[in-house]
N, C-alpha and C. Protein backbone atom coordinates (compact mmCIF):
# COMPACT_ATOMS: atom_id res chain seq x y z
N MET A 1 146.75 130.97 40.34
CA MET A 1 147.21 129.91 41.22
C MET A 1 146.39 128.68 40.93
N ILE A 2 147.06 127.59 40.63
CA ILE A 2 146.36 126.33 40.43
C ILE A 2 146.76 125.39 41.56
N ALA A 3 145.75 124.98 42.32
CA ALA A 3 146.00 124.06 43.41
C ALA A 3 145.45 122.71 43.00
N ALA A 4 145.98 121.65 43.56
CA ALA A 4 145.57 120.33 43.12
C ALA A 4 145.19 119.47 44.29
N LEU A 5 144.23 118.63 44.05
CA LEU A 5 143.82 117.63 45.03
C LEU A 5 143.86 116.29 44.31
N PHE A 6 144.48 115.32 44.91
CA PHE A 6 144.63 114.03 44.27
C PHE A 6 143.71 113.02 44.94
N ILE A 7 142.93 112.32 44.13
CA ILE A 7 142.05 111.30 44.66
C ILE A 7 142.35 110.02 43.89
N ALA A 8 142.67 108.94 44.52
CA ALA A 8 143.01 107.71 43.82
C ALA A 8 142.46 106.53 44.55
N ILE A 9 142.80 105.34 44.04
CA ILE A 9 142.35 104.10 44.64
C ILE A 9 143.40 103.60 45.60
N GLY A 10 142.99 103.02 46.75
CA GLY A 10 143.93 102.39 47.65
C GLY A 10 144.30 103.30 48.79
N LEU A 11 145.50 103.12 49.32
CA LEU A 11 145.99 103.88 50.45
C LEU A 11 147.14 104.74 50.00
N ALA A 12 147.32 105.90 50.63
CA ALA A 12 148.45 106.75 50.29
C ALA A 12 148.82 107.57 51.49
N THR A 13 150.08 107.97 51.55
CA THR A 13 150.55 108.80 52.64
C THR A 13 150.14 110.23 52.39
N GLY A 14 149.41 110.83 53.37
CA GLY A 14 149.01 112.24 53.26
C GLY A 14 147.98 112.49 52.19
N GLY A 15 147.30 111.49 51.66
CA GLY A 15 146.31 111.70 50.61
C GLY A 15 144.98 111.09 50.97
N TYR A 16 144.00 111.34 50.15
CA TYR A 16 142.67 110.77 50.37
C TYR A 16 142.28 110.03 49.11
N PHE A 17 142.21 108.73 49.18
CA PHE A 17 141.96 107.90 48.01
C PHE A 17 140.68 107.11 48.21
N ILE A 18 139.93 106.92 47.13
CA ILE A 18 138.72 106.11 47.22
C ILE A 18 138.69 105.14 46.05
N GLY A 19 137.95 104.04 46.20
CA GLY A 19 137.82 103.07 45.13
C GLY A 19 138.71 101.86 45.37
N GLU A 20 138.88 101.04 44.37
CA GLU A 20 139.73 99.86 44.52
C GLU A 20 140.15 99.38 43.15
N GLY A 21 141.24 98.58 43.12
CA GLY A 21 141.65 97.98 41.86
C GLY A 21 140.60 96.99 41.39
N VAL A 22 140.40 96.94 40.10
CA VAL A 22 139.36 96.09 39.55
C VAL A 22 139.98 95.11 38.56
N SER A 23 139.65 93.84 38.69
CA SER A 23 140.13 92.84 37.74
C SER A 23 139.13 92.73 36.59
N ASN A 24 139.64 92.78 35.39
CA ASN A 24 138.80 92.61 34.21
C ASN A 24 138.70 91.12 33.92
N ARG A 25 137.53 90.52 34.13
CA ARG A 25 137.39 89.08 34.01
C ARG A 25 137.56 88.61 32.58
N ASN A 26 137.20 89.47 31.64
CA ASN A 26 137.28 89.04 30.25
C ASN A 26 138.71 89.04 29.72
N SER A 27 139.48 90.04 30.11
CA SER A 27 140.83 90.15 29.58
C SER A 27 141.90 89.77 30.58
N GLY A 28 141.52 89.63 31.84
CA GLY A 28 142.50 89.32 32.87
C GLY A 28 143.30 90.53 33.31
N ARG A 29 142.99 91.70 32.80
CA ARG A 29 143.72 92.90 33.17
C ARG A 29 143.25 93.39 34.53
N ARG A 30 144.19 93.93 35.29
CA ARG A 30 143.86 94.63 36.52
C ARG A 30 144.00 96.11 36.27
N THR A 31 142.99 96.88 36.65
CA THR A 31 143.02 98.32 36.40
C THR A 31 142.71 99.08 37.68
N ILE A 32 143.15 100.32 37.71
CA ILE A 32 142.77 101.23 38.78
C ILE A 32 142.17 102.48 38.17
N SER A 33 141.27 103.09 38.90
CA SER A 33 140.64 104.34 38.47
C SER A 33 141.07 105.45 39.42
N VAL A 34 141.54 106.52 38.88
CA VAL A 34 142.00 107.65 39.70
C VAL A 34 141.34 108.93 39.23
N LYS A 35 141.23 109.88 40.13
CA LYS A 35 140.66 111.19 39.83
C LYS A 35 141.72 112.26 40.07
N GLY A 36 141.78 113.22 39.20
CA GLY A 36 142.66 114.37 39.39
C GLY A 36 141.85 115.65 39.36
N LEU A 37 142.03 116.48 40.36
CA LEU A 37 141.28 117.73 40.47
C LEU A 37 142.21 118.92 40.26
N SER A 38 141.81 119.83 39.39
CA SER A 38 142.53 121.09 39.21
C SER A 38 141.62 122.23 39.66
N GLU A 39 142.18 123.17 40.40
CA GLU A 39 141.41 124.28 40.95
C GLU A 39 142.15 125.59 40.70
N LYS A 40 141.42 126.59 40.26
CA LYS A 40 142.04 127.88 39.94
C LYS A 40 141.14 129.01 40.40
N GLU A 41 141.72 130.03 41.02
CA GLU A 41 140.96 131.22 41.42
C GLU A 41 141.13 132.30 40.35
N VAL A 42 140.01 132.90 39.95
CA VAL A 42 140.02 133.90 38.88
C VAL A 42 139.11 135.07 39.26
N PRO A 43 139.37 136.26 38.72
CA PRO A 43 138.45 137.38 38.93
C PRO A 43 137.26 137.29 37.97
N ALA A 44 136.11 137.75 38.42
CA ALA A 44 134.95 137.82 37.53
C ALA A 44 135.26 138.76 36.37
N SER A 45 134.70 138.45 35.23
CA SER A 45 134.96 139.27 34.04
C SER A 45 133.84 140.25 33.73
N VAL A 46 132.65 140.01 34.28
CA VAL A 46 131.50 140.89 34.02
C VAL A 46 130.69 141.02 35.31
N ALA A 47 130.17 142.21 35.54
CA ALA A 47 129.25 142.44 36.66
C ALA A 47 127.94 143.02 36.13
N ILE A 48 126.83 142.56 36.71
CA ILE A 48 125.50 143.07 36.36
C ILE A 48 124.86 143.60 37.63
N TRP A 49 124.44 144.86 37.58
CA TRP A 49 123.90 145.53 38.77
C TRP A 49 122.65 146.31 38.38
N THR A 50 121.59 146.17 39.16
CA THR A 50 120.33 146.87 38.90
C THR A 50 120.02 147.83 40.03
N ILE A 51 119.70 149.07 39.68
CA ILE A 51 119.26 150.07 40.65
C ILE A 51 117.79 150.38 40.37
N GLU A 52 116.95 150.19 41.39
CA GLU A 52 115.51 150.38 41.24
C GLU A 52 115.05 151.61 42.04
N TYR A 53 114.13 152.37 41.47
CA TYR A 53 113.60 153.56 42.12
C TYR A 53 112.12 153.69 41.79
N SER A 54 111.43 154.54 42.54
CA SER A 54 109.98 154.63 42.35
C SER A 54 109.50 156.07 42.48
N ALA A 55 108.24 156.26 42.17
CA ALA A 55 107.57 157.56 42.33
C ALA A 55 106.09 157.29 42.57
N THR A 56 105.47 158.13 43.39
CA THR A 56 104.05 157.97 43.69
C THR A 56 103.32 159.29 43.48
N GLY A 57 102.00 159.22 43.36
CA GLY A 57 101.21 160.44 43.18
C GLY A 57 99.86 160.10 42.57
N ASN A 58 99.12 161.16 42.24
CA ASN A 58 97.80 160.99 41.66
C ASN A 58 97.75 161.41 40.19
N ASP A 59 98.80 162.05 39.71
CA ASP A 59 98.85 162.52 38.33
C ASP A 59 99.94 161.76 37.58
N PRO A 60 99.59 160.92 36.61
CA PRO A 60 100.60 160.17 35.87
C PRO A 60 101.66 161.05 35.21
N THR A 61 101.26 162.24 34.79
CA THR A 61 102.23 163.13 34.16
C THR A 61 103.30 163.57 35.16
N VAL A 62 102.88 163.89 36.35
CA VAL A 62 103.83 164.29 37.40
C VAL A 62 104.73 163.10 37.78
N ILE A 63 104.13 161.94 37.87
CA ILE A 63 104.90 160.74 38.21
C ILE A 63 105.95 160.47 37.14
N ASN A 64 105.57 160.61 35.89
CA ASN A 64 106.52 160.39 34.80
C ASN A 64 107.69 161.36 34.89
N LYS A 65 107.41 162.62 35.25
CA LYS A 65 108.47 163.62 35.40
C LYS A 65 109.42 163.22 36.54
N LYS A 66 108.86 162.71 37.64
CA LYS A 66 109.70 162.27 38.76
C LYS A 66 110.62 161.12 38.33
N LEU A 67 110.08 160.19 37.56
CA LEU A 67 110.89 159.06 37.09
C LEU A 67 111.98 159.52 36.14
N GLU A 68 111.66 160.47 35.28
CA GLU A 68 112.67 160.99 34.36
C GLU A 68 113.81 161.66 35.13
N ASP A 69 113.46 162.43 36.15
CA ASP A 69 114.49 163.09 36.97
C ASP A 69 115.35 162.04 37.70
N SER A 70 114.71 161.02 38.22
CA SER A 70 115.44 159.97 38.93
C SER A 70 116.34 159.19 37.98
N THR A 71 115.86 158.95 36.78
CA THR A 71 116.68 158.24 35.80
C THR A 71 117.93 159.03 35.47
N ARG A 72 117.77 160.34 35.26
CA ARG A 72 118.95 161.17 34.97
C ARG A 72 119.93 161.15 36.14
N ALA A 73 119.40 161.18 37.35
CA ALA A 73 120.27 161.18 38.54
C ALA A 73 121.04 159.86 38.65
N VAL A 74 120.37 158.74 38.40
CA VAL A 74 121.03 157.42 38.49
C VAL A 74 122.09 157.28 37.41
N VAL A 75 121.76 157.67 36.19
CA VAL A 75 122.73 157.59 35.10
C VAL A 75 123.94 158.47 35.39
N SER A 76 123.69 159.69 35.88
CA SER A 76 124.78 160.58 36.23
C SER A 76 125.65 159.99 37.34
N PHE A 77 125.00 159.39 38.34
CA PHE A 77 125.72 158.75 39.45
C PHE A 77 126.66 157.67 38.94
N LEU A 78 126.18 156.84 38.05
CA LEU A 78 126.99 155.74 37.53
C LEU A 78 128.12 156.24 36.64
N ARG A 79 127.85 157.24 35.84
CA ARG A 79 128.90 157.79 34.98
C ARG A 79 129.99 158.46 35.80
N GLU A 80 129.61 159.14 36.86
CA GLU A 80 130.60 159.79 37.72
C GLU A 80 131.52 158.77 38.40
N ARG A 81 131.06 157.55 38.52
CA ARG A 81 131.86 156.50 39.15
C ARG A 81 132.60 155.64 38.15
N GLY A 82 132.70 156.16 36.93
CA GLY A 82 133.57 155.55 35.93
C GLY A 82 132.93 154.57 34.98
N PHE A 83 131.62 154.39 35.06
CA PHE A 83 130.98 153.44 34.17
C PHE A 83 130.60 154.12 32.85
N ASP A 84 130.66 153.36 31.77
CA ASP A 84 130.35 153.89 30.45
C ASP A 84 128.85 153.89 30.21
N GLU A 85 128.37 154.96 29.58
CA GLU A 85 126.93 155.07 29.33
C GLU A 85 126.43 153.96 28.41
N LYS A 86 127.31 153.46 27.54
CA LYS A 86 126.90 152.38 26.65
C LYS A 86 126.61 151.08 27.41
N ASP A 87 127.09 150.99 28.64
CA ASP A 87 126.86 149.80 29.45
C ASP A 87 125.60 149.92 30.31
N LEU A 88 124.87 151.03 30.17
CA LEU A 88 123.66 151.26 30.95
C LEU A 88 122.43 151.02 30.08
N ALA A 89 121.42 150.41 30.67
CA ALA A 89 120.15 150.18 29.97
C ALA A 89 119.01 150.62 30.88
N VAL A 90 118.28 151.66 30.47
CA VAL A 90 117.14 152.14 31.24
C VAL A 90 115.93 151.28 30.88
N GLN A 91 115.35 150.65 31.90
CA GLN A 91 114.21 149.76 31.68
C GLN A 91 112.90 150.55 31.67
N PRO A 92 111.89 150.07 30.96
CA PRO A 92 110.60 150.78 30.92
C PRO A 92 109.93 150.78 32.29
N PRO A 93 109.20 151.85 32.62
CA PRO A 93 108.55 151.93 33.94
C PRO A 93 107.33 151.03 34.03
N LEU A 94 106.99 150.70 35.27
CA LEU A 94 105.76 149.97 35.56
C LEU A 94 104.88 150.85 36.43
N LEU A 95 103.61 150.96 36.06
CA LEU A 95 102.67 151.81 36.79
C LEU A 95 101.57 150.95 37.41
N HIS A 96 101.39 151.12 38.71
CA HIS A 96 100.36 150.36 39.43
C HIS A 96 99.29 151.31 39.95
N ASP A 97 98.03 150.99 39.64
CA ASP A 97 96.89 151.78 40.10
C ASP A 97 96.36 151.16 41.39
N THR A 98 96.67 151.78 42.53
CA THR A 98 96.30 151.21 43.82
C THR A 98 94.78 151.25 44.07
N SER A 99 94.07 152.09 43.31
CA SER A 99 92.61 152.16 43.50
C SER A 99 91.93 150.87 43.05
N MET A 100 92.64 150.06 42.28
CA MET A 100 92.10 148.80 41.80
C MET A 100 92.37 147.65 42.76
N ASP A 101 93.15 147.91 43.81
CA ASP A 101 93.45 146.86 44.77
C ASP A 101 92.21 146.54 45.60
N PRO A 102 92.01 145.29 45.96
CA PRO A 102 90.86 144.95 46.81
C PRO A 102 91.02 145.56 48.20
N ARG A 103 89.92 146.07 48.76
CA ARG A 103 89.93 146.63 50.10
C ARG A 103 88.56 146.43 50.74
N GLU A 104 88.53 146.61 52.05
CA GLU A 104 87.28 146.39 52.77
C GLU A 104 86.22 147.41 52.34
N LYS A 105 84.98 147.00 52.48
CA LYS A 105 83.87 147.87 52.10
C LYS A 105 83.91 149.17 52.89
N ASP A 106 83.67 150.26 52.19
CA ASP A 106 83.63 151.61 52.75
C ASP A 106 85.00 152.12 53.18
N SER A 107 86.06 151.36 52.90
CA SER A 107 87.41 151.85 53.20
C SER A 107 87.79 152.90 52.16
N PRO A 108 88.38 154.00 52.57
CA PRO A 108 88.76 155.04 51.60
C PRO A 108 89.92 154.57 50.72
N PRO A 109 90.01 155.09 49.52
CA PRO A 109 91.14 154.72 48.65
C PRO A 109 92.44 155.28 49.21
N PRO A 110 93.57 154.74 48.79
CA PRO A 110 94.87 155.27 49.24
C PRO A 110 95.01 156.73 48.86
N PRO A 111 95.75 157.51 49.66
CA PRO A 111 95.90 158.94 49.36
C PRO A 111 96.60 159.20 48.04
N GLU A 112 97.45 158.28 47.62
CA GLU A 112 98.13 158.40 46.33
C GLU A 112 97.73 157.21 45.47
N ARG A 113 97.09 157.52 44.38
CA ARG A 113 96.49 156.47 43.56
C ARG A 113 97.52 155.64 42.81
N PHE A 114 98.57 156.28 42.30
CA PHE A 114 99.51 155.57 41.43
C PHE A 114 100.86 155.34 42.11
N ASN A 115 101.42 154.20 41.83
CA ASN A 115 102.75 153.84 42.31
C ASN A 115 103.53 153.30 41.12
N ALA A 116 104.61 153.97 40.78
CA ALA A 116 105.39 153.57 39.61
C ALA A 116 106.83 153.26 40.02
N LYS A 117 107.45 152.35 39.29
CA LYS A 117 108.85 152.04 39.54
C LYS A 117 109.59 151.81 38.22
N GLN A 118 110.89 151.98 38.29
CA GLN A 118 111.72 151.87 37.10
C GLN A 118 113.11 151.40 37.52
N TRP A 119 113.91 150.93 36.55
CA TRP A 119 115.23 150.39 36.84
C TRP A 119 116.25 150.91 35.84
N VAL A 120 117.49 150.99 36.29
CA VAL A 120 118.63 151.14 35.39
C VAL A 120 119.49 149.91 35.57
N LEU A 121 119.76 149.23 34.48
CA LEU A 121 120.55 148.01 34.49
C LEU A 121 121.95 148.31 33.99
N LEU A 122 122.95 147.94 34.77
CA LEU A 122 124.35 148.13 34.40
C LEU A 122 124.99 146.78 34.14
N ARG A 123 125.59 146.62 32.99
CA ARG A 123 126.40 145.44 32.66
C ARG A 123 127.78 145.94 32.25
N THR A 124 128.80 145.59 33.03
CA THR A 124 130.11 146.21 32.84
C THR A 124 131.25 145.22 33.06
N ALA A 125 132.36 145.49 32.38
CA ALA A 125 133.59 144.74 32.62
C ALA A 125 134.43 145.40 33.71
N LYS A 126 134.00 146.57 34.18
CA LYS A 126 134.74 147.27 35.24
C LYS A 126 134.28 146.73 36.60
N VAL A 127 134.63 145.48 36.84
CA VAL A 127 134.15 144.76 38.02
C VAL A 127 134.63 145.42 39.31
N ASP A 128 135.87 145.89 39.33
CA ASP A 128 136.44 146.45 40.56
C ASP A 128 135.77 147.76 40.97
N ALA A 129 135.02 148.39 40.05
CA ALA A 129 134.38 149.67 40.38
C ALA A 129 133.00 149.48 41.01
N ILE A 130 132.50 148.26 41.06
CA ILE A 130 131.14 148.02 41.55
C ILE A 130 131.02 148.27 43.05
N LYS A 131 131.88 147.66 43.84
CA LYS A 131 131.75 147.79 45.29
C LYS A 131 131.90 149.24 45.77
N PRO A 132 132.85 150.02 45.27
CA PRO A 132 132.91 151.43 45.67
C PRO A 132 131.64 152.19 45.31
N ALA A 133 131.04 151.86 44.17
CA ALA A 133 129.78 152.52 43.78
C ALA A 133 128.65 152.11 44.72
N GLN A 134 128.60 150.85 45.07
CA GLN A 134 127.58 150.39 46.02
C GLN A 134 127.66 151.15 47.34
N ALA A 135 128.88 151.38 47.79
CA ALA A 135 129.08 152.01 49.10
C ALA A 135 128.55 153.43 49.14
N THR A 136 128.42 154.06 47.97
CA THR A 136 127.96 155.47 47.94
C THR A 136 126.57 155.60 47.31
N ALA A 137 125.87 154.49 47.13
CA ALA A 137 124.55 154.54 46.47
C ALA A 137 123.54 155.37 47.26
N SER A 138 123.75 155.49 48.56
CA SER A 138 122.81 156.29 49.36
C SER A 138 122.85 157.76 48.98
N ASN A 139 123.90 158.20 48.27
CA ASN A 139 123.96 159.58 47.79
C ASN A 139 122.82 159.90 46.85
N LEU A 140 122.27 158.88 46.22
CA LEU A 140 121.15 159.11 45.30
C LEU A 140 119.93 159.64 46.04
N ILE A 141 119.79 159.26 47.30
CA ILE A 141 118.63 159.73 48.08
C ILE A 141 118.67 161.24 48.23
N THR A 142 119.86 161.79 48.47
CA THR A 142 119.99 163.25 48.61
C THR A 142 119.75 163.96 47.29
N SER A 143 119.82 163.20 46.19
CA SER A 143 119.52 163.77 44.88
C SER A 143 118.04 163.69 44.55
N GLY A 144 117.23 163.20 45.50
CA GLY A 144 115.80 163.13 45.29
C GLY A 144 115.31 161.82 44.72
N VAL A 145 116.20 160.82 44.63
CA VAL A 145 115.81 159.53 44.08
C VAL A 145 115.21 158.67 45.20
N LEU A 146 113.99 158.20 44.98
CA LEU A 146 113.33 157.34 45.96
C LEU A 146 113.73 155.89 45.66
N LEU A 147 114.85 155.48 46.26
CA LEU A 147 115.35 154.13 46.01
C LEU A 147 114.42 153.10 46.64
N THR A 148 114.07 152.10 45.87
CA THR A 148 113.30 150.98 46.40
C THR A 148 114.12 149.71 46.46
N GLY A 149 115.31 149.77 45.95
CA GLY A 149 116.19 148.60 46.04
C GLY A 149 117.36 148.73 45.09
N THR A 150 118.50 148.24 45.55
CA THR A 150 119.66 148.05 44.68
C THR A 150 120.04 146.59 44.83
N SER A 151 119.84 145.85 43.77
CA SER A 151 120.07 144.41 43.84
C SER A 151 121.54 144.12 44.10
N GLN A 152 121.81 142.97 44.67
CA GLN A 152 123.19 142.54 44.81
C GLN A 152 123.74 142.27 43.41
N PRO A 153 124.90 142.80 43.09
CA PRO A 153 125.46 142.57 41.75
C PRO A 153 125.65 141.08 41.48
N ASN A 154 125.47 140.73 40.24
CA ASN A 154 125.73 139.37 39.79
C ASN A 154 127.06 139.37 39.05
N TYR A 155 128.02 138.61 39.57
CA TYR A 155 129.35 138.57 38.98
C TYR A 155 129.50 137.30 38.14
N ILE A 156 130.02 137.47 36.94
CA ILE A 156 130.09 136.36 35.98
C ILE A 156 131.52 136.20 35.49
N PHE A 157 131.96 134.95 35.39
CA PHE A 157 133.24 134.65 34.73
C PHE A 157 132.92 133.98 33.40
N ASN A 158 133.26 134.65 32.30
CA ASN A 158 132.91 134.14 30.97
C ASN A 158 134.14 133.89 30.09
N GLN A 159 135.28 133.65 30.72
CA GLN A 159 136.51 133.39 29.96
C GLN A 159 137.02 131.97 30.22
N LEU A 160 136.08 131.05 30.38
CA LEU A 160 136.45 129.68 30.72
C LEU A 160 137.31 129.03 29.64
N ASN A 161 137.03 129.32 28.38
CA ASN A 161 137.79 128.70 27.30
C ASN A 161 139.28 129.06 27.36
N ASP A 162 139.60 130.20 27.96
CA ASP A 162 141.00 130.62 28.04
C ASP A 162 141.81 129.77 29.01
N ILE A 163 141.14 129.19 30.02
CA ILE A 163 141.87 128.44 31.04
C ILE A 163 141.61 126.94 30.99
N LYS A 164 140.68 126.50 30.14
CA LYS A 164 140.35 125.08 30.07
C LYS A 164 141.55 124.19 29.76
N PRO A 165 142.33 124.47 28.69
CA PRO A 165 143.42 123.54 28.35
C PRO A 165 144.41 123.34 29.49
N GLY A 166 144.83 124.44 30.13
CA GLY A 166 145.80 124.33 31.21
C GLY A 166 145.26 123.57 32.41
N MET A 167 143.98 123.77 32.72
CA MET A 167 143.40 123.08 33.87
C MET A 167 143.22 121.59 33.60
N ILE A 168 142.82 121.24 32.38
CA ILE A 168 142.70 119.81 32.04
C ILE A 168 144.07 119.14 32.11
N GLN A 169 145.07 119.82 31.60
CA GLN A 169 146.43 119.28 31.66
C GLN A 169 146.87 119.07 33.11
N GLU A 170 146.58 120.05 33.96
CA GLU A 170 146.97 119.96 35.36
C GLU A 170 146.23 118.82 36.07
N ALA A 171 144.93 118.71 35.81
CA ALA A 171 144.14 117.66 36.44
C ALA A 171 144.63 116.27 35.99
N THR A 172 144.95 116.12 34.70
CA THR A 172 145.45 114.85 34.19
C THR A 172 146.80 114.50 34.82
N LYS A 173 147.65 115.51 34.96
CA LYS A 173 148.95 115.29 35.61
C LYS A 173 148.76 114.84 37.06
N ASN A 174 147.81 115.44 37.76
CA ASN A 174 147.57 115.07 39.15
C ASN A 174 147.01 113.66 39.28
N ALA A 175 146.19 113.26 38.31
CA ALA A 175 145.69 111.89 38.30
C ALA A 175 146.83 110.90 38.14
N ARG A 176 147.78 111.23 37.30
CA ARG A 176 148.94 110.36 37.09
C ARG A 176 149.78 110.27 38.38
N ILE A 177 149.95 111.39 39.06
CA ILE A 177 150.70 111.38 40.32
C ILE A 177 150.01 110.49 41.34
N ALA A 178 148.69 110.58 41.40
CA ALA A 178 147.94 109.74 42.34
C ALA A 178 148.07 108.27 41.98
N ALA A 179 148.03 107.96 40.68
CA ALA A 179 148.17 106.57 40.25
C ALA A 179 149.57 106.04 40.58
N ASP A 180 150.59 106.85 40.38
CA ASP A 180 151.96 106.46 40.73
C ASP A 180 152.07 106.18 42.22
N GLN A 181 151.43 107.02 43.03
CA GLN A 181 151.48 106.83 44.48
C GLN A 181 150.83 105.50 44.87
N PHE A 182 149.68 105.21 44.26
CA PHE A 182 149.02 103.94 44.54
C PHE A 182 149.90 102.76 44.14
N ALA A 183 150.52 102.84 42.98
CA ALA A 183 151.36 101.73 42.52
C ALA A 183 152.51 101.49 43.48
N ARG A 184 153.12 102.56 43.98
CA ARG A 184 154.22 102.39 44.93
C ARG A 184 153.73 101.76 46.23
N ASP A 185 152.59 102.26 46.73
CA ASP A 185 152.09 101.77 48.01
C ASP A 185 151.61 100.32 47.93
N SER A 186 151.11 99.93 46.77
CA SER A 186 150.59 98.57 46.61
C SER A 186 151.63 97.63 46.00
N GLN A 187 152.84 98.13 45.77
CA GLN A 187 153.94 97.34 45.21
C GLN A 187 153.54 96.70 43.88
N THR A 188 152.93 97.52 43.06
CA THR A 188 152.59 97.10 41.70
C THR A 188 153.25 98.06 40.72
N THR A 189 153.15 97.70 39.45
CA THR A 189 153.73 98.54 38.41
C THR A 189 152.61 99.16 37.60
N LEU A 190 152.69 100.48 37.42
CA LEU A 190 151.65 101.18 36.66
C LEU A 190 151.83 100.91 35.18
N GLY A 191 150.76 100.50 34.53
CA GLY A 191 150.80 100.21 33.11
C GLY A 191 150.28 101.37 32.28
N LYS A 192 149.80 101.04 31.10
CA LYS A 192 149.37 102.10 30.18
C LYS A 192 147.98 102.61 30.53
N LEU A 193 147.70 103.80 30.04
CA LEU A 193 146.39 104.43 30.27
C LEU A 193 145.35 103.71 29.43
N ARG A 194 144.25 103.32 30.08
CA ARG A 194 143.20 102.60 29.38
C ARG A 194 142.04 103.50 28.97
N ASN A 195 141.73 104.49 29.80
CA ASN A 195 140.56 105.34 29.51
C ASN A 195 140.69 106.64 30.29
N ALA A 196 140.17 107.72 29.71
CA ALA A 196 140.17 109.02 30.40
C ALA A 196 138.90 109.76 30.03
N SER A 197 138.31 110.43 31.02
CA SER A 197 137.12 111.23 30.76
C SER A 197 137.18 112.50 31.60
N GLN A 198 136.64 113.57 31.05
CA GLN A 198 136.65 114.88 31.71
C GLN A 198 135.27 115.18 32.28
N GLY A 199 135.23 115.67 33.52
CA GLY A 199 133.98 116.08 34.12
C GLY A 199 133.62 117.51 33.74
N TRP A 200 132.55 118.02 34.38
CA TRP A 200 132.11 119.38 34.13
C TRP A 200 133.03 120.38 34.81
N PHE A 201 133.18 121.54 34.18
CA PHE A 201 133.84 122.66 34.84
C PHE A 201 132.82 123.31 35.78
N GLN A 202 133.23 123.57 36.99
CA GLN A 202 132.35 124.18 37.99
C GLN A 202 132.92 125.53 38.40
N VAL A 203 132.09 126.56 38.34
CA VAL A 203 132.51 127.92 38.70
C VAL A 203 131.65 128.37 39.88
N ASP A 204 132.29 128.68 41.01
CA ASP A 204 131.59 129.11 42.22
C ASP A 204 132.21 130.40 42.75
N ASN A 205 131.41 131.13 43.56
CA ASN A 205 131.98 132.26 44.29
C ASN A 205 133.06 131.75 45.24
N ARG A 206 134.14 132.52 45.37
CA ARG A 206 135.19 132.11 46.31
C ARG A 206 134.61 132.01 47.72
N ASP A 207 133.82 133.02 48.10
CA ASP A 207 133.10 133.00 49.37
C ASP A 207 132.01 134.05 49.30
N ALA A 208 131.20 134.13 50.37
CA ALA A 208 130.06 135.06 50.37
C ALA A 208 130.49 136.51 50.37
N ALA A 209 131.66 136.80 50.92
CA ALA A 209 132.12 138.19 51.03
C ALA A 209 132.75 138.70 49.73
N THR A 210 133.23 137.81 48.89
CA THR A 210 133.93 138.23 47.67
C THR A 210 133.38 137.48 46.45
N PRO A 211 132.12 137.73 46.09
CA PRO A 211 131.56 137.03 44.93
C PRO A 211 132.21 137.46 43.62
N GLU A 212 132.98 138.55 43.65
CA GLU A 212 133.69 138.98 42.44
C GLU A 212 134.93 138.13 42.16
N ARG A 213 135.28 137.25 43.10
CA ARG A 213 136.35 136.27 42.91
C ARG A 213 135.71 134.90 42.74
N LYS A 214 136.15 134.17 41.73
CA LYS A 214 135.55 132.87 41.43
C LYS A 214 136.58 131.75 41.61
N THR A 215 136.07 130.58 41.98
CA THR A 215 136.89 129.38 42.03
C THR A 215 136.40 128.43 40.94
N VAL A 216 137.30 128.04 40.06
CA VAL A 216 136.98 127.14 38.95
C VAL A 216 137.59 125.77 39.26
N ARG A 217 136.80 124.71 39.09
CA ARG A 217 137.27 123.35 39.36
C ARG A 217 136.90 122.44 38.20
N VAL A 218 137.75 121.46 37.97
CA VAL A 218 137.44 120.40 37.02
C VAL A 218 138.08 119.10 37.52
N VAL A 219 137.39 118.00 37.31
CA VAL A 219 137.89 116.68 37.70
C VAL A 219 137.99 115.81 36.46
N VAL A 220 139.08 115.07 36.34
CA VAL A 220 139.22 114.08 35.27
C VAL A 220 139.28 112.69 35.91
N ASP A 221 138.69 111.72 35.24
CA ASP A 221 138.72 110.32 35.66
C ASP A 221 139.61 109.55 34.69
N VAL A 222 140.58 108.83 35.22
CA VAL A 222 141.54 108.11 34.37
C VAL A 222 141.67 106.68 34.88
N ASP A 223 141.71 105.74 33.94
CA ASP A 223 141.93 104.32 34.26
C ASP A 223 143.31 103.91 33.75
N TYR A 224 144.07 103.22 34.62
CA TYR A 224 145.38 102.69 34.26
C TYR A 224 145.40 101.19 34.51
N GLU A 225 146.19 100.51 33.70
CA GLU A 225 146.49 99.10 33.99
C GLU A 225 147.55 99.06 35.12
N VAL A 226 147.48 98.02 35.93
CA VAL A 226 148.53 97.76 36.92
C VAL A 226 148.98 96.32 36.75
N LYS A 227 150.27 96.11 37.03
CA LYS A 227 150.86 94.77 36.86
C LYS A 227 151.43 94.32 38.18
């Protein structure tokens, strides 16, 4: 769905216009500047999700075994929910020695000296499978995984080049419609196009509840002669 917003110079019925006609002192030409906005809603093409887990204890060997078991459980969980193993990346563990932390004099050391954590990173094109997997992530706890966090997935739209030409065309068309409206309202005649420039493409989440849906916008600026 491509929706359009027209922004032009002058007054218009049912529209919002800004700016004004400008006289070119050097050439005597009168010009108007108009903006055309094209907007399109698209699904995200890639999702990135990180699941973090930890293990504690006094024996690094035992801790390493706990992390290995948790890693297998997380990988199995993701595969059971339809994700490909090639899209999973197990990150190296981090080990923290709590006995090295500053503490008050004569305070006893923590009962468990080591605290380790590890992550599994998922990068997938199966965007629609992410939310159902999130909803059942607590099942990992019953598998013995000490979850310390599951990050909010990052949804990415990386197919901008596929929709750029159509959106630029739509935005340019809308700028022309806005210029025609101004010419009618101001009882002038629209002349030839003098200049056109394209703004940045902007990709945003549709809203906070559906970050897997994106809204893409682009604005073009066009100058026309008026007679």
